[in-house]
Protein backbone atom coordinates (compact mmCIF):
# COMPACT_ATOMS: atom_id res chain seq x y z
CA UNK A 1 14.10 66.96 -91.88
CA UNK A 2 11.88 65.98 -88.99
CA UNK A 3 13.82 65.62 -85.74
CA UNK A 4 12.73 62.47 -83.90
CA UNK A 5 13.34 61.17 -80.38
CA UNK A 6 12.97 57.56 -79.26
CA UNK A 7 12.31 57.36 -75.53
CA UNK A 8 13.04 53.87 -74.28
CA UNK A 9 15.35 53.07 -77.15
CA UNK A 10 17.15 50.10 -75.60
CA UNK A 11 14.20 47.68 -75.83
CA UNK A 12 13.06 45.63 -78.80
CA UNK A 13 10.52 48.24 -79.94
CA UNK A 14 13.11 51.01 -79.68
CA UNK A 15 15.64 49.00 -81.65
CA UNK A 16 13.05 48.29 -84.36
CA UNK A 17 12.22 51.99 -84.58
CA UNK A 18 15.89 52.74 -85.12
CA UNK A 19 16.17 50.01 -87.76
CA UNK A 20 13.14 51.22 -89.71
CA UNK A 21 13.92 54.93 -89.42
CA UNK A 22 17.38 54.30 -90.86
CA UNK A 23 15.53 53.84 -94.18
CA UNK A 24 13.48 57.04 -93.82
CA UNK A 25 14.71 59.96 -95.97
CA UNK A 26 12.74 62.61 -94.03
CA UNK A 27 13.86 61.68 -90.51
CA UNK A 28 16.81 62.65 -88.35
CA UNK A 29 16.97 60.68 -85.10
CA UNK A 30 18.41 63.24 -82.70
CA UNK A 31 17.76 61.60 -79.33
CA UNK A 32 17.58 58.08 -77.89
CA UNK A 33 16.89 57.62 -74.19
CA UNK A 34 17.45 54.78 -71.76
CA UNK A 35 17.89 54.91 -68.01
CA UNK A 36 19.78 51.61 -67.71
CA UNK A 37 22.00 52.18 -70.75
CA UNK A 38 22.67 55.91 -70.34
CA UNK A 39 26.16 56.78 -71.60
CA UNK A 40 26.42 53.78 -73.91
CA UNK A 41 26.39 54.01 -77.69
CA UNK A 42 23.48 52.56 -79.60
CA UNK A 43 25.95 50.21 -81.30
CA UNK A 44 27.08 48.89 -77.90
CA UNK A 45 23.65 47.27 -77.58
CA UNK A 46 22.77 46.79 -81.24
CA UNK A 47 25.91 46.47 -83.38
CA UNK A 48 23.89 46.09 -86.60
CA UNK A 49 22.59 49.67 -86.20
CA UNK A 50 25.91 51.15 -87.26
CA UNK A 51 24.22 54.20 -88.77
CA UNK A 52 23.68 55.37 -85.18
CA UNK A 53 27.23 54.82 -83.91
CA UNK A 54 27.38 58.52 -83.04
CA UNK A 55 24.32 58.40 -80.77
CA UNK A 56 24.59 57.90 -77.02
CA UNK A 57 21.71 56.82 -74.83
CA UNK A 58 20.61 59.61 -72.49
CA UNK A 59 18.39 59.67 -69.40
CA UNK A 60 14.89 60.96 -70.04
CA UNK A 61 15.20 64.36 -68.41
CA UNK A 62 12.16 65.96 -69.96
CA UNK A 63 13.05 69.65 -69.74
CA UNK A 64 16.58 69.01 -71.01
CA UNK A 65 15.54 66.93 -74.05
CA UNK A 66 12.44 68.94 -75.00
CA UNK A 67 14.22 71.06 -77.60
CA UNK A 68 16.05 68.12 -79.19
CA UNK A 69 13.13 66.75 -81.22
CA UNK A 70 9.84 67.65 -82.86
CA UNK A 71 8.23 64.23 -82.55
CA UNK A 72 8.64 61.80 -79.66
CA UNK A 73 8.17 58.05 -79.91
CA UNK A 74 7.45 56.72 -76.42
CA UNK A 75 8.64 53.11 -76.14
CA UNK A 76 8.44 53.01 -72.36
CA UNK A 77 6.82 50.34 -70.17
CA UNK A 78 3.12 50.55 -69.36
CA UNK A 79 2.58 53.12 -66.61
CA UNK A 80 5.87 54.86 -67.26
CA UNK A 81 4.58 56.70 -70.34
CA UNK A 82 1.77 58.59 -68.66
CA UNK A 83 3.75 61.53 -67.28
CA UNK A 84 6.13 61.87 -70.21
CA UNK A 85 3.37 61.76 -72.82
CA UNK A 86 1.37 64.39 -70.97
CA UNK A 87 4.44 66.62 -70.65
CA UNK A 88 5.45 66.51 -74.33
CA UNK A 89 1.88 66.94 -75.57
CA UNK A 90 1.41 69.94 -73.27
CA UNK A 91 4.55 71.48 -74.77
CA UNK A 92 3.16 71.18 -78.30
CA UNK A 93 5.16 68.15 -79.43
CA UNK A 94 3.82 65.34 -81.59
CA UNK A 95 3.78 62.06 -79.66
CA UNK A 96 3.30 58.43 -80.64
CA UNK A 97 2.99 56.22 -77.56
CA UNK A 98 3.75 52.52 -77.96
CA UNK A 99 2.63 51.65 -74.43
CA UNK A 100 -0.93 50.88 -73.35
CA UNK A 101 -1.27 54.08 -71.33
CA UNK A 102 -3.45 55.96 -73.83
CA UNK A 103 -5.11 53.11 -75.78
CA UNK A 104 -8.14 52.54 -73.57
CA UNK A 105 -10.65 55.38 -73.81
CA UNK A 106 -12.12 54.65 -70.39
CA UNK A 107 -9.70 55.45 -67.57
CA UNK A 108 -11.50 53.11 -65.16
CA UNK A 109 -11.05 50.21 -67.58
CA UNK A 110 -7.34 51.01 -67.81
CA UNK A 111 -7.04 51.09 -64.02
CA UNK A 112 -8.88 47.78 -63.67
CA UNK A 113 -6.63 45.90 -66.11
CA UNK A 114 -3.29 47.64 -65.54
CA UNK A 115 -3.62 48.09 -61.77
CA UNK A 116 -2.41 51.67 -61.76
CA UNK A 117 -4.24 55.02 -61.71
CA UNK A 118 -4.55 57.08 -64.89
CA UNK A 119 -3.56 60.58 -63.80
CA UNK A 120 -4.01 62.44 -67.10
CA UNK A 121 -7.61 62.00 -68.18
CA UNK A 122 -7.73 65.23 -70.19
CA UNK A 123 -4.73 64.12 -72.22
CA UNK A 124 -6.30 60.68 -72.61
CA UNK A 125 -9.28 62.33 -74.33
CA UNK A 126 -6.93 63.74 -76.98
CA UNK A 127 -5.45 60.38 -77.97
CA UNK A 128 -6.37 58.71 -81.26
CA UNK A 129 -6.16 54.93 -81.52
CA UNK A 130 -3.50 54.36 -84.15
CA UNK A 131 -4.89 51.65 -86.40
CA UNK A 132 -4.54 53.34 -89.82
CA UNK A 133 -6.90 51.00 -91.66
CA UNK A 134 -9.75 52.32 -89.50
CA UNK A 135 -8.68 55.71 -88.15
CA UNK A 136 -6.51 57.18 -90.91
CA UNK A 137 -8.34 60.53 -91.10
CA UNK A 138 -8.27 61.05 -87.33
CA UNK A 139 -4.58 60.11 -87.18
CA UNK A 140 -3.78 62.78 -89.77
CA UNK A 141 -5.36 65.45 -87.56
CA UNK A 142 -3.97 64.31 -84.21
CA UNK A 143 -0.87 65.17 -82.20
CA UNK A 144 -1.15 62.16 -79.88
CA UNK A 145 -1.38 58.62 -81.25
CA UNK A 146 -1.93 55.59 -79.04
CA UNK A 147 -0.18 52.85 -80.99
CA UNK A 148 -2.20 49.59 -80.85
CA UNK A 149 -1.05 46.48 -79.07
CA UNK A 150 0.31 43.58 -81.08
CA UNK A 151 -2.44 41.03 -80.40
CA UNK A 152 -5.22 43.60 -80.97
CA UNK A 153 -3.74 44.63 -84.32
CA UNK A 154 -4.06 41.13 -85.81
CA UNK A 155 -7.40 40.43 -84.13
CA UNK A 156 -9.11 43.70 -85.10
CA UNK A 157 -7.88 43.65 -88.69
CA UNK A 158 -9.08 40.07 -88.95
CA UNK A 159 -12.59 40.85 -87.71
CA UNK A 160 -13.17 44.38 -89.00
CA UNK A 161 -14.79 43.62 -92.41
CA UNK A 162 -17.01 40.85 -91.06
CA UNK A 163 -18.31 42.94 -88.16
CA UNK A 164 -18.70 46.08 -90.26
CA UNK A 165 -20.80 44.12 -92.75
CA UNK A 166 -22.89 42.59 -89.93
CA UNK A 167 -22.02 39.02 -90.87
CA UNK A 168 -21.31 37.68 -87.38
CA UNK A 169 -23.02 36.79 -84.16
CA UNK A 170 -20.74 39.04 -82.10
CA UNK A 171 -21.38 36.99 -78.95
CA UNK A 172 -19.50 33.98 -80.34
CA UNK A 173 -16.04 35.42 -81.08
CA UNK A 174 -13.06 33.28 -80.07
CA UNK A 175 -9.52 34.57 -80.66
CA UNK A 176 -6.70 32.03 -80.37
CA UNK A 177 -3.32 33.76 -80.72
CA UNK A 178 0.30 32.62 -80.66
CA UNK A 179 3.24 34.98 -80.25
CA UNK A 180 6.99 34.84 -80.37
CA UNK A 181 8.87 35.56 -77.16
CA UNK A 182 9.91 39.10 -78.14
CA UNK A 183 6.33 40.09 -77.33
CA UNK A 184 7.28 39.97 -73.67
CA UNK A 185 9.93 42.65 -74.16
CA UNK A 186 13.69 42.68 -73.66
CA UNK A 187 13.77 41.55 -70.08
CA UNK A 188 15.58 39.15 -67.82
CA UNK A 189 13.01 36.52 -66.90
CA UNK A 190 13.64 32.81 -66.49
CA UNK A 191 10.32 31.90 -68.09
CA UNK A 192 11.49 33.47 -71.36
CA UNK A 193 14.97 31.96 -71.39
CA UNK A 194 15.99 29.67 -74.23
CA UNK A 195 15.82 26.48 -72.17
CA UNK A 196 12.33 27.30 -70.93
CA UNK A 197 10.89 28.30 -74.31
CA UNK A 198 12.67 25.97 -76.74
CA UNK A 199 10.55 22.96 -77.75
CA UNK A 200 7.71 24.25 -75.58
CA UNK A 201 4.28 25.66 -76.39
CA UNK A 202 1.86 26.97 -73.76
CA UNK A 203 -1.08 29.23 -73.09
CA UNK A 204 -0.64 32.11 -70.65
CA UNK A 205 -2.71 34.87 -69.02
CA UNK A 206 -5.79 32.82 -69.86
CA UNK A 207 -8.99 34.90 -69.52
CA UNK A 208 -7.00 37.80 -68.09
CA UNK A 209 -4.62 39.15 -70.75
CA UNK A 210 -4.43 42.95 -70.74
CA UNK A 211 -5.07 43.23 -74.46
CA UNK A 212 -8.59 41.87 -73.98
CA UNK A 213 -10.29 45.20 -73.17
CA UNK A 214 -8.46 46.88 -76.06
CA UNK A 215 -9.80 44.30 -78.51
CA UNK A 216 -13.29 44.57 -77.02
CA UNK A 217 -13.21 48.37 -77.10
CA UNK A 218 -12.45 48.55 -80.81
CA UNK A 219 -14.79 45.74 -81.86
CA UNK A 220 -17.58 47.41 -79.87
CA UNK A 221 -16.99 50.67 -81.73
CA UNK A 222 -17.10 48.88 -85.08
CA UNK A 223 -20.29 46.95 -84.23
CA UNK A 224 -21.92 49.77 -82.25
CA UNK A 225 -22.79 47.14 -79.68
CA UNK A 226 -20.95 45.86 -76.64
CA UNK A 227 -18.64 43.02 -77.61
CA UNK A 228 -17.04 40.46 -75.31
CA UNK A 229 -14.53 37.95 -76.64
CA UNK A 230 -12.79 34.81 -75.52
CA UNK A 231 -9.12 35.66 -76.10
CA UNK A 232 -6.33 33.23 -75.29
CA UNK A 233 -2.65 33.99 -76.03
CA UNK A 234 0.06 31.34 -76.36
CA UNK A 235 3.84 31.48 -76.35
CA UNK A 236 5.59 30.12 -79.43
CA UNK A 237 9.26 29.02 -79.37
CA UNK A 238 10.20 31.63 -82.00
CA UNK A 239 11.62 35.10 -81.53
CA UNK A 240 9.01 37.15 -83.41
CA UNK A 241 5.63 36.91 -85.10
CA UNK A 242 1.98 36.49 -84.11
CA UNK A 243 -0.55 34.19 -85.75
CA UNK A 244 -4.18 34.49 -84.68
CA UNK A 245 -6.95 32.06 -85.57
CA UNK A 246 -10.35 33.63 -85.01
CA UNK A 247 -13.71 31.87 -84.93
CA UNK A 248 -17.23 33.33 -84.97
CA UNK A 249 -20.68 32.06 -85.88
CA UNK A 250 -22.23 33.57 -89.01
CA UNK A 251 -25.67 35.12 -88.66
CA UNK A 252 -26.89 33.20 -91.71
CA UNK A 253 -25.47 30.64 -94.14
CA UNK A 254 -23.04 32.21 -96.59
CA UNK A 255 -20.33 30.99 -98.95
CA UNK A 256 -16.65 31.75 -98.50
CA UNK A 257 -16.64 33.67 -101.78
CA UNK A 258 -19.21 36.19 -100.52
CA UNK A 259 -17.33 36.82 -97.30
CA UNK A 260 -14.09 37.07 -99.23
CA UNK A 261 -15.60 39.80 -101.40
CA UNK A 262 -16.43 41.91 -98.34
CA UNK A 263 -12.82 41.57 -97.18
CA UNK A 264 -11.51 42.43 -100.62
CA UNK A 265 -13.57 45.63 -100.74
CA UNK A 266 -12.42 46.60 -97.24
CA UNK A 267 -8.70 46.11 -97.84
CA UNK A 268 -8.09 46.48 -101.58
CA UNK A 269 -6.53 49.94 -101.11
CA UNK A 270 -4.66 49.16 -97.89
CA UNK A 271 -0.89 49.01 -98.49
CA UNK A 272 -0.13 46.74 -95.53
CA UNK A 273 -2.98 44.23 -95.50
CA UNK A 274 -2.47 41.29 -97.83
CA UNK A 275 -5.64 39.29 -98.32
CA UNK A 276 -4.74 35.78 -99.42
CA UNK A 277 -6.77 33.88 -101.99
CA UNK A 278 -9.58 31.68 -100.65
CA UNK A 279 -8.15 28.47 -99.25
CA UNK A 280 -4.74 29.98 -98.48
CA UNK A 281 -3.62 31.00 -94.99
CA UNK A 282 -0.77 33.04 -93.48
CA UNK A 283 2.57 31.91 -92.14
CA UNK A 284 4.46 34.11 -89.66
CA UNK A 285 7.63 33.44 -91.65
CA UNK A 286 6.22 35.45 -94.56
CA UNK A 287 5.67 38.63 -92.53
CA UNK A 288 8.88 38.51 -90.51
CA UNK A 289 10.56 41.91 -90.51
CA UNK A 290 7.73 43.55 -92.49
CA UNK A 291 4.79 45.83 -91.75
CA UNK A 292 2.30 43.49 -93.44
CA UNK A 293 -0.73 41.82 -91.96
CA UNK A 294 -1.43 38.68 -93.97
CA UNK A 295 -5.02 37.48 -93.76
CA UNK A 296 -6.87 34.36 -94.87
CA UNK A 297 -10.52 33.36 -94.41
CA UNK A 298 -12.81 30.41 -94.96
CA UNK A 299 -16.36 29.45 -94.02
CA UNK A 300 -16.94 26.12 -92.33
CA UNK A 301 -20.35 25.49 -93.88
CA UNK A 302 -20.92 22.42 -91.72
CA UNK A 303 -20.88 24.50 -88.52
CA UNK A 304 -21.80 27.91 -89.90
CA UNK A 305 -18.53 29.37 -88.64
CA UNK A 306 -16.26 31.98 -90.17
CA UNK A 307 -12.60 31.14 -89.60
CA UNK A 308 -10.09 33.99 -89.96
CA UNK A 309 -6.31 33.66 -89.74
CA UNK A 310 -3.98 36.66 -89.49
CA UNK A 311 -0.21 36.91 -89.22
CA UNK A 312 1.92 39.91 -88.31
CA UNK A 313 5.40 40.60 -87.03
CA UNK A 314 4.67 41.65 -83.45
CA UNK A 315 7.63 44.07 -83.44
CA UNK A 316 6.73 45.74 -86.75
CA UNK A 317 3.03 45.90 -87.66
CA UNK A 318 2.41 45.03 -84.01
CA UNK A 319 4.56 47.87 -82.69
CA UNK A 320 7.30 49.94 -84.33
CA UNK A 321 6.34 49.61 -87.99
CA UNK A 322 2.80 50.66 -87.23
CA UNK A 323 4.20 53.57 -85.20
CA UNK A 324 6.18 54.73 -88.24
CA UNK A 325 3.10 54.25 -90.43
CA UNK A 326 1.22 56.50 -88.00
CA UNK A 327 4.02 59.06 -88.07
CA UNK A 328 3.92 59.15 -91.86
CA UNK A 329 0.19 59.83 -91.82
CA UNK A 330 0.46 62.39 -89.03
CA UNK A 331 3.26 64.33 -90.73
CA UNK A 332 1.94 64.09 -94.29
CA UNK A 333 4.68 61.79 -95.59
CA UNK A 334 3.82 58.96 -98.03
CA UNK A 335 2.28 56.30 -95.80
CA UNK A 336 4.60 53.52 -96.96
CA UNK A 337 7.81 55.55 -96.66
CA UNK A 338 10.60 53.46 -95.05
CA UNK A 339 8.17 50.55 -94.63
CA UNK A 340 7.97 48.97 -98.06
CA UNK A 341 11.48 47.49 -98.08
CA UNK A 342 12.46 46.78 -94.48
CA UNK A 343 12.47 42.98 -94.40
CA UNK A 344 16.28 42.75 -94.51
CA UNK A 345 17.59 42.60 -90.95
CA UNK A 346 19.90 40.46 -88.81
């Protein structure tokens, strides 16, 4: 059995990790940390996780917890993961970081968008971006995985086949995304209260969302050219799920069927990407609680535009499910283990 720690286990991502790992036959969760909830049982915060009624939240005292696990999931806030990730990696532990601290390959870019210094540039060089559909082989060889952000997961998977096959004018990409409120984390903030969110729908962080450079980084790697995108996130009055509608001009006229074939070839062996038939498009309801990315495409022949729609659960494929998928690859477990039947939840 692989001994696993969840650092930051009182947030939504930590709770989802616990829920998913309860289905995993090769995992023993031996440590869950939380500074605010130290001394409480997991079931005090999440009664549905009764399998973990014996586990108490502990403070993250690195030297004291080092021997308690072989692999550490870091579900800490941005900025707070830097030191802990560096420490556990330096001690030979496997680490999967769900924060943004090791996603951006350029430390200066991270500092510009997250307004905090990156103090561990050598460790940053060791991190592998954890999008299995693109980096599976590198993930299998790595000890430090930077788990992708939720918006970038849907956006990159949506654009990957079209950019790889050089179908798009990469200077025309527009990404219009809508997320449930759990994407903001488990925090006390009036703007995310029921009365503020219910029956509302708004854009936020327009032209300045922190996931922008992450999307641009990965699309630039795929295209081998610098990519800049117009990315606008919106807040939906639902608890979980992200739907992204992506627009880009095609380099030349092409039928939907031809583009569809390039997507089919790209994803036909991917266990968690479901390419919908031409003319059909995703609904966040159909990915809720799962690790799937549902994807639909069409060509607007009148404007020469490719329209891509993706849907994921921001807490699963957009966070904890993808982290478990990465763990499975890293540790040599079947990639779908504990992820192919996790849709049942409160």
